[in-house]
N, C-alpha and C. Protein backbone atom coordinates (compact mmCIF):
# COMPACT_ATOMS: atom_id res chain seq x y z
N UNK A 1 110.03 132.46 136.86
CA UNK A 1 111.00 132.14 135.80
C UNK A 1 110.41 131.09 134.86
N UNK A 2 110.49 131.33 133.56
CA UNK A 2 109.93 130.41 132.59
C UNK A 2 110.81 129.17 132.44
N UNK A 3 110.18 128.06 132.11
CA UNK A 3 110.88 126.80 131.92
C UNK A 3 111.31 126.65 130.46
N UNK A 4 112.49 126.10 130.24
CA UNK A 4 113.04 125.97 128.89
C UNK A 4 112.36 124.83 128.15
N UNK A 5 112.03 125.08 126.87
CA UNK A 5 111.29 124.11 126.07
C UNK A 5 111.93 123.98 124.69
N UNK A 6 112.07 122.74 124.23
CA UNK A 6 112.49 122.43 122.87
C UNK A 6 111.29 121.85 122.13
N UNK A 7 111.07 122.30 120.90
CA UNK A 7 109.96 121.82 120.08
C UNK A 7 110.48 120.87 119.01
N UNK A 8 109.87 119.68 118.93
CA UNK A 8 110.21 118.74 117.85
C UNK A 8 109.36 119.11 116.65
N UNK A 9 110.04 119.42 115.54
CA UNK A 9 109.35 119.80 114.31
C UNK A 9 109.88 121.11 113.79
N UNK A 10 109.68 121.35 112.50
CA UNK A 10 110.10 122.60 111.88
C UNK A 10 109.17 122.94 110.72
N UNK A 11 107.88 122.70 110.95
CA UNK A 11 106.87 123.01 109.94
C UNK A 11 105.81 123.92 110.52
N UNK A 12 104.64 123.91 109.89
CA UNK A 12 103.57 124.80 110.31
C UNK A 12 103.12 124.55 111.74
N UNK A 13 102.97 123.29 112.14
CA UNK A 13 102.52 122.99 113.50
C UNK A 13 103.56 123.46 114.51
N UNK A 14 104.84 123.27 114.18
CA UNK A 14 105.90 123.73 115.07
C UNK A 14 105.90 125.25 115.20
N UNK A 15 105.67 125.94 114.09
CA UNK A 15 105.60 127.40 114.14
C UNK A 15 104.43 127.87 115.00
N UNK A 16 103.29 127.20 114.86
CA UNK A 16 102.15 127.54 115.71
C UNK A 16 102.43 127.23 117.18
N UNK A 17 103.07 126.10 117.45
CA UNK A 17 103.41 125.76 118.82
C UNK A 17 104.34 126.82 119.43
N UNK A 18 105.31 127.27 118.64
CA UNK A 18 106.20 128.33 119.10
C UNK A 18 105.41 129.58 119.46
N UNK A 19 104.45 129.95 118.62
CA UNK A 19 103.63 131.14 118.89
C UNK A 19 102.84 130.97 120.18
N UNK A 20 102.13 129.86 120.31
CA UNK A 20 101.25 129.67 121.46
C UNK A 20 102.05 129.55 122.77
N UNK A 21 103.09 128.73 122.76
CA UNK A 21 103.89 128.60 123.98
C UNK A 21 104.54 129.93 124.37
N UNK A 22 104.98 130.70 123.38
CA UNK A 22 105.65 131.96 123.67
C UNK A 22 104.69 133.02 124.19
N UNK A 23 103.46 133.03 123.65
CA UNK A 23 102.51 134.08 123.99
C UNK A 23 101.66 133.76 125.20
N UNK A 24 101.52 132.47 125.55
CA UNK A 24 100.48 132.10 126.51
C UNK A 24 100.86 130.86 127.32
N UNK A 25 102.05 130.87 127.90
CA UNK A 25 102.44 129.75 128.75
C UNK A 25 103.60 130.19 129.64
N UNK A 26 103.97 129.30 130.55
CA UNK A 26 105.13 129.58 131.40
C UNK A 26 106.37 128.87 130.88
N UNK A 27 106.41 128.61 129.57
CA UNK A 27 107.58 128.03 128.92
C UNK A 27 108.25 129.06 128.02
N UNK A 28 109.56 128.93 127.88
CA UNK A 28 110.33 129.70 126.91
C UNK A 28 110.92 128.74 125.89
N UNK A 29 110.54 128.90 124.63
CA UNK A 29 111.08 128.04 123.58
C UNK A 29 112.51 128.46 123.29
N UNK A 30 113.44 127.52 123.38
CA UNK A 30 114.85 127.85 123.20
C UNK A 30 115.46 127.21 121.96
N UNK A 31 114.79 126.19 121.38
CA UNK A 31 115.35 125.51 120.22
C UNK A 31 114.29 124.62 119.59
N UNK A 32 114.60 124.16 118.37
CA UNK A 32 113.80 123.16 117.67
C UNK A 32 114.68 121.95 117.39
N UNK A 33 114.04 120.81 117.18
CA UNK A 33 114.79 119.61 116.84
C UNK A 33 114.02 118.79 115.82
N UNK A 34 114.74 118.13 114.94
CA UNK A 34 114.15 117.22 113.94
C UNK A 34 115.10 116.06 113.77
N UNK A 35 114.63 114.99 113.14
CA UNK A 35 115.53 113.90 112.78
C UNK A 35 116.58 114.43 111.80
N UNK A 36 117.78 113.90 111.88
CA UNK A 36 118.89 114.42 111.08
C UNK A 36 118.57 114.39 109.58
N UNK A 37 117.81 113.40 109.12
CA UNK A 37 117.49 113.28 107.70
C UNK A 37 116.62 114.43 107.20
N UNK A 38 115.93 115.12 108.12
CA UNK A 38 115.03 116.21 107.75
C UNK A 38 115.58 117.57 108.12
N UNK A 39 116.85 117.62 108.50
CA UNK A 39 117.47 118.88 108.88
C UNK A 39 117.91 119.63 107.61
N UNK A 40 117.16 120.67 107.25
CA UNK A 40 117.46 121.44 106.05
C UNK A 40 117.96 122.84 106.35
N UNK A 41 117.87 123.25 107.62
CA UNK A 41 118.32 124.58 108.01
C UNK A 41 118.75 124.53 109.47
N UNK A 42 119.70 125.36 109.82
CA UNK A 42 120.17 125.40 111.21
C UNK A 42 119.37 126.36 112.07
N UNK A 43 118.35 127.00 111.48
CA UNK A 43 117.57 127.99 112.22
C UNK A 43 116.10 127.93 111.80
N UNK A 44 115.21 128.12 112.77
CA UNK A 44 113.77 128.17 112.52
C UNK A 44 113.14 129.10 113.55
N UNK A 45 112.33 130.04 113.09
CA UNK A 45 111.72 131.04 113.98
C UNK A 45 112.78 131.79 114.79
N UNK A 46 113.94 131.95 114.19
CA UNK A 46 115.00 132.68 114.86
C UNK A 46 115.73 131.89 115.94
N UNK A 47 115.50 130.58 116.01
CA UNK A 47 116.11 129.74 117.04
C UNK A 47 116.86 128.59 116.37
N UNK A 48 117.84 128.01 117.08
CA UNK A 48 118.60 126.92 116.48
C UNK A 48 117.77 125.66 116.27
N UNK A 49 118.09 124.93 115.20
CA UNK A 49 117.51 123.61 114.95
C UNK A 49 118.63 122.59 115.05
N UNK A 50 118.44 121.58 115.89
CA UNK A 50 119.50 120.59 116.11
C UNK A 50 118.97 119.19 115.82
N UNK A 51 119.84 118.27 115.39
CA UNK A 51 119.39 116.89 115.16
C UNK A 51 118.93 116.25 116.47
N UNK A 52 117.87 115.49 116.39
CA UNK A 52 117.33 114.87 117.60
C UNK A 52 118.33 113.92 118.25
N UNK A 53 119.12 113.23 117.43
CA UNK A 53 120.10 112.30 117.98
C UNK A 53 121.12 112.99 118.88
N UNK A 54 121.38 114.28 118.63
CA UNK A 54 122.37 115.02 119.43
C UNK A 54 121.72 115.99 120.43
N UNK A 55 120.41 115.93 120.54
CA UNK A 55 119.71 116.93 121.35
C UNK A 55 120.15 116.92 122.81
N UNK A 56 120.25 115.74 123.39
CA UNK A 56 120.52 115.65 124.82
C UNK A 56 121.87 116.22 125.22
N UNK A 57 122.82 116.26 124.28
CA UNK A 57 124.14 116.80 124.62
C UNK A 57 124.13 118.32 124.71
N UNK A 58 123.15 118.98 124.07
CA UNK A 58 123.06 120.44 124.10
C UNK A 58 121.91 120.95 124.96
N UNK A 59 120.82 120.20 124.97
CA UNK A 59 119.63 120.60 125.73
C UNK A 59 119.20 119.38 126.55
N UNK A 60 119.73 119.29 127.74
CA UNK A 60 119.61 118.07 128.52
C UNK A 60 118.19 117.87 129.06
N UNK A 61 117.78 116.61 129.21
CA UNK A 61 116.43 116.32 129.71
C UNK A 61 116.17 116.82 131.12
N UNK A 62 117.20 116.96 131.92
CA UNK A 62 116.96 117.42 133.29
C UNK A 62 116.73 118.92 133.38
N UNK A 63 117.02 119.66 132.31
CA UNK A 63 116.82 121.11 132.34
C UNK A 63 115.86 121.61 131.26
N UNK A 64 115.44 120.72 130.37
CA UNK A 64 114.58 121.14 129.27
C UNK A 64 113.41 120.17 129.11
N UNK A 65 112.23 120.74 128.87
CA UNK A 65 111.07 119.95 128.47
C UNK A 65 111.02 119.89 126.94
N UNK A 66 110.17 119.01 126.41
CA UNK A 66 110.06 118.85 124.97
C UNK A 66 108.58 118.78 124.58
N UNK A 67 108.27 119.34 123.43
CA UNK A 67 106.91 119.23 122.89
C UNK A 67 107.01 118.74 121.45
N UNK A 68 106.28 117.67 121.13
CA UNK A 68 106.29 117.10 119.79
C UNK A 68 105.18 117.77 118.98
N UNK A 69 105.58 118.62 118.03
CA UNK A 69 104.63 119.43 117.26
C UNK A 69 104.48 118.85 115.87
N UNK A 70 103.78 117.72 115.79
CA UNK A 70 103.50 117.07 114.51
C UNK A 70 102.00 116.92 114.35
N UNK A 71 101.56 116.71 113.12
CA UNK A 71 100.13 116.66 112.83
C UNK A 71 99.61 115.23 112.98
N UNK A 72 98.57 114.90 112.21
CA UNK A 72 97.94 113.58 112.27
C UNK A 72 98.45 112.66 111.16
N UNK A 73 99.65 112.94 110.63
CA UNK A 73 100.21 112.14 109.55
C UNK A 73 100.21 110.65 109.91
N UNK A 74 99.79 109.83 108.93
CA UNK A 74 99.71 108.38 109.11
C UNK A 74 98.87 108.03 110.34
N UNK A 75 97.76 108.74 110.48
CA UNK A 75 96.82 108.54 111.57
C UNK A 75 97.51 108.66 112.93
N UNK A 76 98.24 109.76 113.07
CA UNK A 76 98.91 110.13 114.32
C UNK A 76 100.13 109.26 114.66
N UNK A 77 100.50 108.35 113.77
CA UNK A 77 101.56 107.42 114.10
C UNK A 77 102.92 108.10 114.19
N UNK A 78 103.19 109.07 113.29
CA UNK A 78 104.49 109.75 113.35
C UNK A 78 104.63 110.53 114.65
N UNK A 79 103.56 111.20 115.06
CA UNK A 79 103.62 111.94 116.32
C UNK A 79 103.80 110.99 117.51
N UNK A 80 103.10 109.87 117.45
CA UNK A 80 103.22 108.87 118.52
C UNK A 80 104.66 108.34 118.60
N UNK A 81 105.27 108.06 117.45
CA UNK A 81 106.64 107.55 117.44
C UNK A 81 107.60 108.53 118.11
N UNK A 82 107.48 109.81 117.77
CA UNK A 82 108.39 110.80 118.33
C UNK A 82 108.08 111.08 119.80
N UNK A 83 106.83 110.99 120.16
CA UNK A 83 106.45 111.11 121.57
C UNK A 83 107.14 110.02 122.39
N UNK A 84 107.07 108.78 121.91
CA UNK A 84 107.69 107.67 122.64
C UNK A 84 109.21 107.79 122.64
N UNK A 85 109.78 108.28 121.53
CA UNK A 85 111.24 108.46 121.47
C UNK A 85 111.70 109.53 122.47
N UNK A 86 110.93 110.60 122.59
CA UNK A 86 111.28 111.65 123.54
C UNK A 86 111.19 111.13 124.97
N UNK A 87 110.16 110.33 125.25
CA UNK A 87 110.03 109.72 126.57
C UNK A 87 111.23 108.82 126.87
N UNK A 88 111.59 108.00 125.87
CA UNK A 88 112.71 107.08 126.06
C UNK A 88 114.01 107.82 126.30
N UNK A 89 114.14 109.02 125.73
CA UNK A 89 115.35 109.82 125.93
C UNK A 89 115.35 110.56 127.27
N UNK A 90 114.27 110.44 128.02
CA UNK A 90 114.23 111.02 129.35
C UNK A 90 113.61 112.39 129.45
N UNK A 91 113.00 112.88 128.37
CA UNK A 91 112.41 114.22 128.40
C UNK A 91 111.02 114.21 129.02
N UNK A 92 110.73 115.28 129.75
CA UNK A 92 109.37 115.52 130.20
C UNK A 92 108.63 116.21 129.06
N UNK A 93 107.44 115.72 128.74
CA UNK A 93 106.67 116.26 127.62
C UNK A 93 105.72 117.34 128.13
N UNK A 94 105.84 118.52 127.55
CA UNK A 94 105.00 119.65 127.95
C UNK A 94 103.67 119.62 127.22
N UNK A 95 102.63 120.15 127.85
CA UNK A 95 101.35 120.38 127.19
C UNK A 95 101.09 121.87 127.09
N UNK A 96 100.41 122.26 126.02
CA UNK A 96 99.91 123.63 125.90
C UNK A 96 98.40 123.60 126.05
N UNK A 97 97.89 124.37 127.00
CA UNK A 97 96.44 124.49 127.23
C UNK A 97 96.13 125.97 127.20
N UNK A 98 95.38 126.40 126.22
CA UNK A 98 95.11 127.82 126.03
C UNK A 98 94.39 128.43 127.24
N UNK A 99 94.80 129.62 127.60
CA UNK A 99 94.10 130.36 128.66
C UNK A 99 92.73 130.83 128.18
N UNK A 100 92.47 130.69 126.88
CA UNK A 100 91.17 131.08 126.31
C UNK A 100 90.27 129.86 126.09
N UNK A 101 90.64 128.73 126.65
CA UNK A 101 89.79 127.54 126.64
C UNK A 101 89.09 127.44 127.99
N UNK A 102 87.94 126.78 128.00
CA UNK A 102 87.18 126.56 129.24
C UNK A 102 87.44 125.13 129.69
N UNK A 103 88.21 124.99 130.76
CA UNK A 103 88.65 123.68 131.24
C UNK A 103 88.01 123.43 132.60
N UNK A 104 87.10 122.46 132.66
CA UNK A 104 86.34 122.21 133.88
C UNK A 104 86.51 120.78 134.39
N UNK A 105 87.53 120.08 133.92
CA UNK A 105 87.69 118.66 134.27
C UNK A 105 88.77 118.43 135.31
N UNK A 106 89.08 119.46 136.09
CA UNK A 106 90.05 119.35 137.18
C UNK A 106 91.42 118.91 136.70
N UNK A 107 91.76 119.28 135.48
CA UNK A 107 93.11 119.05 134.98
C UNK A 107 93.43 117.62 134.58
N UNK A 108 92.42 116.81 134.31
CA UNK A 108 92.69 115.43 133.88
C UNK A 108 93.08 115.43 132.40
N UNK A 109 94.28 115.93 132.16
CA UNK A 109 94.81 116.08 130.80
C UNK A 109 96.24 115.57 130.81
N UNK A 110 96.59 114.74 129.85
CA UNK A 110 97.91 114.13 129.82
C UNK A 110 99.00 115.05 129.31
N UNK A 111 100.16 114.48 129.01
CA UNK A 111 101.28 115.28 128.54
C UNK A 111 101.30 115.33 127.01
N UNK A 112 102.05 116.28 126.49
CA UNK A 112 102.16 116.54 125.05
C UNK A 112 100.80 116.79 124.39
N UNK A 113 99.90 117.41 125.14
CA UNK A 113 98.60 117.80 124.58
C UNK A 113 98.68 119.22 124.04
N UNK A 114 97.89 119.50 123.02
CA UNK A 114 97.87 120.81 122.36
C UNK A 114 96.41 121.22 122.28
N UNK A 115 95.97 122.03 123.23
CA UNK A 115 94.56 122.40 123.37
C UNK A 115 94.42 123.88 123.11
N UNK A 116 93.84 124.22 121.99
CA UNK A 116 93.82 125.61 121.53
C UNK A 116 92.59 126.36 122.04
N UNK A 117 92.46 127.59 121.58
CA UNK A 117 91.44 128.50 122.11
C UNK A 117 90.02 128.03 121.82
N UNK A 118 89.12 128.43 122.72
CA UNK A 118 87.67 128.21 122.56
C UNK A 118 87.23 126.77 122.66
N UNK A 119 88.08 125.89 123.14
CA UNK A 119 87.63 124.55 123.48
C UNK A 119 86.86 124.60 124.81
N UNK A 120 85.80 123.82 124.90
CA UNK A 120 85.08 123.64 126.16
C UNK A 120 85.21 122.19 126.58
N UNK A 121 85.85 121.98 127.71
CA UNK A 121 86.04 120.63 128.26
C UNK A 121 85.25 120.56 129.55
N UNK A 122 84.18 119.80 129.53
CA UNK A 122 83.23 119.78 130.64
C UNK A 122 83.73 118.93 131.82
N UNK A 123 83.03 119.01 132.96
CA UNK A 123 83.45 118.22 134.13
C UNK A 123 83.48 116.72 133.84
N UNK A 124 84.40 116.05 134.52
CA UNK A 124 84.56 114.60 134.51
C UNK A 124 85.05 114.04 133.18
N UNK A 125 85.58 114.90 132.33
CA UNK A 125 86.23 114.46 131.10
C UNK A 125 87.65 114.02 131.42
N UNK A 126 88.12 112.99 130.73
CA UNK A 126 89.51 112.55 130.83
C UNK A 126 90.14 112.61 129.44
N UNK A 127 91.27 113.29 129.34
CA UNK A 127 91.99 113.41 128.08
C UNK A 127 93.37 112.79 128.27
N UNK A 128 93.72 111.86 127.40
CA UNK A 128 94.97 111.13 127.54
C UNK A 128 96.18 111.92 127.09
N UNK A 129 97.25 111.20 126.80
CA UNK A 129 98.51 111.81 126.39
C UNK A 129 98.53 112.05 124.87
N UNK A 130 99.24 113.12 124.47
CA UNK A 130 99.52 113.38 123.06
C UNK A 130 98.23 113.57 122.27
N UNK A 131 97.32 114.35 122.82
CA UNK A 131 96.03 114.64 122.18
C UNK A 131 96.03 116.08 121.70
N UNK A 132 95.62 116.29 120.45
CA UNK A 132 95.46 117.63 119.89
C UNK A 132 93.97 117.95 119.79
N UNK A 133 93.60 119.08 120.37
CA UNK A 133 92.25 119.63 120.22
C UNK A 133 92.40 120.99 119.55
N UNK A 134 92.14 121.03 118.25
CA UNK A 134 92.21 122.31 117.55
C UNK A 134 91.13 123.23 118.11
N UNK A 135 90.96 124.40 117.58
CA UNK A 135 90.12 125.41 118.24
C UNK A 135 88.62 125.10 118.12
N UNK A 136 87.87 125.47 119.17
CA UNK A 136 86.42 125.53 119.10
C UNK A 136 85.66 124.24 119.27
N UNK A 137 86.19 123.25 119.97
CA UNK A 137 85.49 121.98 120.16
C UNK A 137 84.71 121.95 121.47
N UNK A 138 83.71 121.07 121.52
CA UNK A 138 82.95 120.81 122.76
C UNK A 138 83.18 119.35 123.13
N UNK A 139 83.75 119.12 124.32
CA UNK A 139 83.98 117.77 124.83
C UNK A 139 83.05 117.58 126.01
N UNK A 140 82.01 116.76 125.82
CA UNK A 140 80.95 116.63 126.81
C UNK A 140 81.35 115.86 128.05
N UNK A 141 80.63 116.10 129.11
CA UNK A 141 80.86 115.52 130.44
C UNK A 141 81.02 114.00 130.39
N UNK A 142 81.90 113.50 131.24
CA UNK A 142 82.14 112.06 131.42
C UNK A 142 82.68 111.37 130.15
N UNK A 143 83.17 112.13 129.21
CA UNK A 143 83.78 111.53 128.03
C UNK A 143 85.26 111.23 128.27
N UNK A 144 85.80 110.31 127.50
CA UNK A 144 87.21 109.96 127.58
C UNK A 144 87.80 109.98 126.18
N UNK A 145 88.91 110.68 126.03
CA UNK A 145 89.66 110.69 124.77
C UNK A 145 91.01 110.05 125.06
N UNK A 146 91.26 108.93 124.42
CA UNK A 146 92.49 108.19 124.70
C UNK A 146 93.69 108.80 123.96
N UNK A 147 94.86 108.21 124.18
CA UNK A 147 96.13 108.78 123.72
C UNK A 147 96.19 108.93 122.19
N UNK A 148 96.99 109.91 121.76
CA UNK A 148 97.42 110.10 120.36
C UNK A 148 96.26 110.39 119.40
N UNK A 149 95.25 111.09 119.88
CA UNK A 149 94.13 111.48 119.01
C UNK A 149 94.33 112.90 118.49
N UNK A 150 93.71 113.18 117.36
CA UNK A 150 93.70 114.53 116.77
C UNK A 150 92.25 114.88 116.47
N UNK A 151 91.77 115.95 117.11
CA UNK A 151 90.40 116.40 116.91
C UNK A 151 90.45 117.78 116.31
N UNK A 152 89.90 117.92 115.12
CA UNK A 152 89.94 119.18 114.40
C UNK A 152 88.92 120.15 115.00
N UNK A 153 88.60 121.24 114.30
CA UNK A 153 87.81 122.32 114.89
C UNK A 153 86.31 122.06 114.83
N UNK A 154 85.61 122.64 115.82
CA UNK A 154 84.14 122.67 115.88
C UNK A 154 83.53 121.28 115.87
N UNK A 155 84.19 120.37 116.55
CA UNK A 155 83.66 119.02 116.76
C UNK A 155 82.82 119.03 118.04
N UNK A 156 81.69 118.34 118.01
CA UNK A 156 80.85 118.18 119.20
C UNK A 156 80.90 116.71 119.62
N UNK A 157 81.48 116.48 120.78
CA UNK A 157 81.50 115.15 121.39
C UNK A 157 80.57 115.22 122.59
N UNK A 158 79.48 114.51 122.52
CA UNK A 158 78.46 114.59 123.57
C UNK A 158 78.91 113.83 124.82
N UNK A 159 78.07 113.85 125.84
CA UNK A 159 78.45 113.26 127.12
C UNK A 159 78.64 111.76 127.08
N UNK A 160 79.59 111.29 127.85
CA UNK A 160 79.79 109.86 128.02
C UNK A 160 80.36 109.13 126.83
N UNK A 161 81.02 109.83 125.93
CA UNK A 161 81.60 109.21 124.74
C UNK A 161 83.02 108.72 125.05
N UNK A 162 83.40 107.59 124.50
CA UNK A 162 84.77 107.10 124.61
C UNK A 162 85.39 107.06 123.22
N UNK A 163 86.48 107.80 123.05
CA UNK A 163 87.20 107.85 121.78
C UNK A 163 88.49 107.06 121.95
N UNK A 164 88.65 106.01 121.15
CA UNK A 164 89.81 105.14 121.28
C UNK A 164 91.11 105.79 120.82
N UNK A 165 92.19 105.09 121.07
CA UNK A 165 93.53 105.61 120.78
C UNK A 165 93.73 105.85 119.28
N UNK A 166 94.47 106.91 118.96
CA UNK A 166 94.95 107.21 117.60
C UNK A 166 93.82 107.47 116.60
N UNK A 167 92.75 108.09 117.05
CA UNK A 167 91.65 108.45 116.15
C UNK A 167 91.86 109.85 115.57
N UNK A 168 91.26 110.08 114.41
CA UNK A 168 91.16 111.41 113.83
C UNK A 168 89.69 111.75 113.66
N UNK A 169 89.30 112.95 114.14
CA UNK A 169 87.92 113.42 114.00
C UNK A 169 87.96 114.76 113.28
N UNK A 170 87.30 114.84 112.13
CA UNK A 170 87.38 116.02 111.27
C UNK A 170 86.45 117.14 111.69
N UNK A 171 86.60 118.28 111.03
CA UNK A 171 85.86 119.49 111.38
C UNK A 171 84.35 119.26 111.30
N UNK A 172 83.66 119.84 112.27
CA UNK A 172 82.19 119.85 112.30
C UNK A 172 81.56 118.48 112.46
N UNK A 173 82.32 117.49 112.87
CA UNK A 173 81.73 116.18 113.16
C UNK A 173 80.95 116.25 114.47
N UNK A 174 79.91 115.41 114.57
CA UNK A 174 79.07 115.35 115.77
C UNK A 174 78.95 113.90 116.22
N UNK A 175 79.23 113.66 117.49
CA UNK A 175 79.13 112.32 118.08
C UNK A 175 78.06 112.35 119.16
N UNK A 176 77.07 111.50 119.06
CA UNK A 176 75.99 111.47 120.05
C UNK A 176 76.51 110.91 121.38
N UNK A 177 75.71 111.03 122.41
CA UNK A 177 76.15 110.63 123.75
C UNK A 177 76.26 109.12 123.90
N UNK A 178 77.17 108.72 124.78
CA UNK A 178 77.34 107.34 125.24
C UNK A 178 77.61 106.33 124.12
N UNK A 179 78.40 106.74 123.15
CA UNK A 179 78.86 105.78 122.14
C UNK A 179 80.37 105.58 122.30
N UNK A 180 80.88 104.53 121.69
CA UNK A 180 82.30 104.21 121.72
C UNK A 180 82.87 104.24 120.31
N UNK A 181 83.99 104.92 120.17
CA UNK A 181 84.70 104.98 118.90
C UNK A 181 85.96 104.13 119.05
N UNK A 182 86.09 103.10 118.24
CA UNK A 182 87.23 102.20 118.37
C UNK A 182 88.53 102.85 117.99
N UNK A 183 89.66 102.25 118.36
CA UNK A 183 90.97 102.82 118.03
C UNK A 183 91.17 102.97 116.53
N UNK A 184 91.95 103.97 116.16
CA UNK A 184 92.38 104.22 114.78
C UNK A 184 91.21 104.41 113.82
N UNK A 185 90.18 105.09 114.29
CA UNK A 185 89.08 105.44 113.40
C UNK A 185 89.32 106.80 112.77
N UNK A 186 88.78 106.97 111.57
CA UNK A 186 88.73 108.27 110.91
C UNK A 186 87.27 108.68 110.83
N UNK A 187 86.93 109.76 111.52
CA UNK A 187 85.58 110.32 111.46
C UNK A 187 85.68 111.57 110.61
N UNK A 188 85.13 111.54 109.42
CA UNK A 188 85.34 112.61 108.46
C UNK A 188 84.63 113.90 108.80
N UNK A 189 84.99 114.95 108.08
CA UNK A 189 84.39 116.27 108.28
C UNK A 189 82.88 116.20 108.09
N UNK A 190 82.15 116.79 109.03
CA UNK A 190 80.71 116.85 108.93
C UNK A 190 79.99 115.55 109.23
N UNK A 191 80.69 114.53 109.69
CA UNK A 191 80.05 113.24 109.97
C UNK A 191 79.13 113.36 111.18
N UNK A 192 78.05 112.59 111.17
CA UNK A 192 77.12 112.48 112.29
C UNK A 192 77.14 111.03 112.74
N UNK A 193 77.68 110.80 113.93
CA UNK A 193 77.85 109.44 114.42
C UNK A 193 76.85 109.20 115.55
N UNK A 194 75.93 108.25 115.32
CA UNK A 194 74.86 107.97 116.27
C UNK A 194 75.00 106.61 116.93
N UNK A 195 76.00 105.83 116.55
CA UNK A 195 76.21 104.50 117.11
C UNK A 195 77.71 104.24 117.23
N UNK A 196 78.06 103.15 117.90
CA UNK A 196 79.47 102.80 118.08
C UNK A 196 80.18 102.69 116.73
N UNK A 197 81.46 103.04 116.73
CA UNK A 197 82.30 102.94 115.54
C UNK A 197 83.34 101.84 115.76
N UNK A 198 83.40 100.91 114.82
CA UNK A 198 84.34 99.80 114.96
C UNK A 198 85.77 100.28 114.74
N UNK A 199 86.75 99.59 115.35
CA UNK A 199 88.15 99.99 115.18
C UNK A 199 88.56 100.06 113.71
N UNK A 200 89.40 101.04 113.39
CA UNK A 200 90.00 101.22 112.07
C UNK A 200 88.95 101.48 110.98
N UNK A 201 87.82 102.01 111.37
CA UNK A 201 86.79 102.32 110.40
C UNK A 201 86.91 103.74 109.88
N UNK A 202 86.39 103.96 108.68
CA UNK A 202 86.34 105.29 108.08
C UNK A 202 84.86 105.67 107.97
N UNK A 203 84.51 106.78 108.57
CA UNK A 203 83.12 107.23 108.59
C UNK A 203 83.07 108.63 107.99
N UNK A 204 82.21 108.84 107.02
CA UNK A 204 82.16 110.13 106.35
C UNK A 204 80.76 110.73 106.46
N UNK A 205 80.70 112.06 106.34
CA UNK A 205 79.43 112.75 106.35
C UNK A 205 78.63 112.42 105.10
N UNK A 206 77.32 112.30 105.25
CA UNK A 206 76.45 111.98 104.12
C UNK A 206 75.30 112.98 104.10
N UNK A 207 74.88 113.34 102.91
CA UNK A 207 73.76 114.26 102.77
C UNK A 207 72.83 113.79 101.66
N UNK A 208 71.53 113.90 101.90
CA UNK A 208 70.53 113.61 100.89
C UNK A 208 69.66 114.85 100.73
N UNK A 209 69.87 115.59 99.65
CA UNK A 209 69.18 116.87 99.52
C UNK A 209 69.60 117.78 100.65
N UNK A 210 68.62 118.23 101.42
CA UNK A 210 68.92 119.09 102.56
C UNK A 210 69.13 118.30 103.84
N UNK A 211 68.75 117.03 103.84
CA UNK A 211 68.79 116.26 105.08
C UNK A 211 70.18 115.67 105.31
N UNK A 212 70.64 115.79 106.52
CA UNK A 212 71.89 115.14 106.92
C UNK A 212 71.52 113.80 107.54
N UNK A 213 72.13 112.73 107.06
CA UNK A 213 71.81 111.40 107.55
C UNK A 213 73.00 110.86 108.34
N UNK A 214 72.73 109.94 109.27
CA UNK A 214 73.83 109.39 110.08
C UNK A 214 74.90 108.75 109.21
N UNK A 215 76.15 108.87 109.64
CA UNK A 215 77.26 108.28 108.90
C UNK A 215 77.32 106.78 109.14
N UNK A 216 77.75 106.07 108.14
CA UNK A 216 77.95 104.63 108.26
C UNK A 216 79.38 104.31 107.90
N UNK A 217 79.80 103.11 108.29
CA UNK A 217 81.19 102.72 108.06
C UNK A 217 81.44 102.53 106.57
N UNK A 218 82.37 103.29 106.04
CA UNK A 218 82.68 103.23 104.62
C UNK A 218 83.57 102.05 104.28
N UNK A 219 84.62 101.90 105.08
CA UNK A 219 85.58 100.83 104.83
C UNK A 219 86.49 100.73 106.04
N UNK A 220 87.38 99.75 106.01
CA UNK A 220 88.40 99.61 107.02
C UNK A 220 89.69 100.22 106.51
N UNK A 221 90.43 100.86 107.39
CA UNK A 221 91.70 101.47 106.99
C UNK A 221 92.65 100.38 106.50
C-alpha cells in the first residue's frame, strides 16, 4: 500500500515532484499546499491545493508525509524555511531517490532530498537533509554534502570533498578531490574548483581562448 504524500509548492518543481513520486516511488500524492498568500487556484495537477496554515486539519502529520518542492531561490533559503516549518508542524519529510540512479553509499541520505535519474553516488558518501541532485551528477567517494544544497546537472564532485550547507553548484562544474566548499557558496556553471572555497563566495567558470583555467573567488554574496 502506498503512503500518502502532500507536496509543498505549485510550480514547475512541484509538478516534476508529482511526476517522479507518482511514477517511481511508494508514495501516492494526494494534495498540494502553499502559503495562503500564494494560493491562486484550488487545484494543481488534478489535486486539491490547500493553505499550509490549514494543512494539518485536512491532511494530518500522523497519516501524511510532506515533500517541499522548491528550487534554490535566495540560495536555498526559501526551501530551508519551509522544510523547517514542515518539521515544526510534525510532518515526516519524504525523499525521492530515482530507481535510475546508482546509489552505493548504504543509504546515507537525509530527508526531503530530490535525487533524479543518472546520478552516481559512490561508497562512503554522506548526503544531508533537503539536498537536490538534478540529473547526471557524479558524487565521489568519501564526500559529504551538507543540508539545503542544490546541485544542478552533470556536476563532478571528486572524492573526499566537503560541500557546506546551503550551497549552489551549477551545471558542468568540476570540484577536485579533498577540497572544502564553505557554506552558502555559489559555484557557477562550468566552474573548475581546484582549492578550498571560502564561505559565501561566488566562483565562476573562466576561459582563455581554448584553455579552461581554475575558477577564483569573484566576490562575496
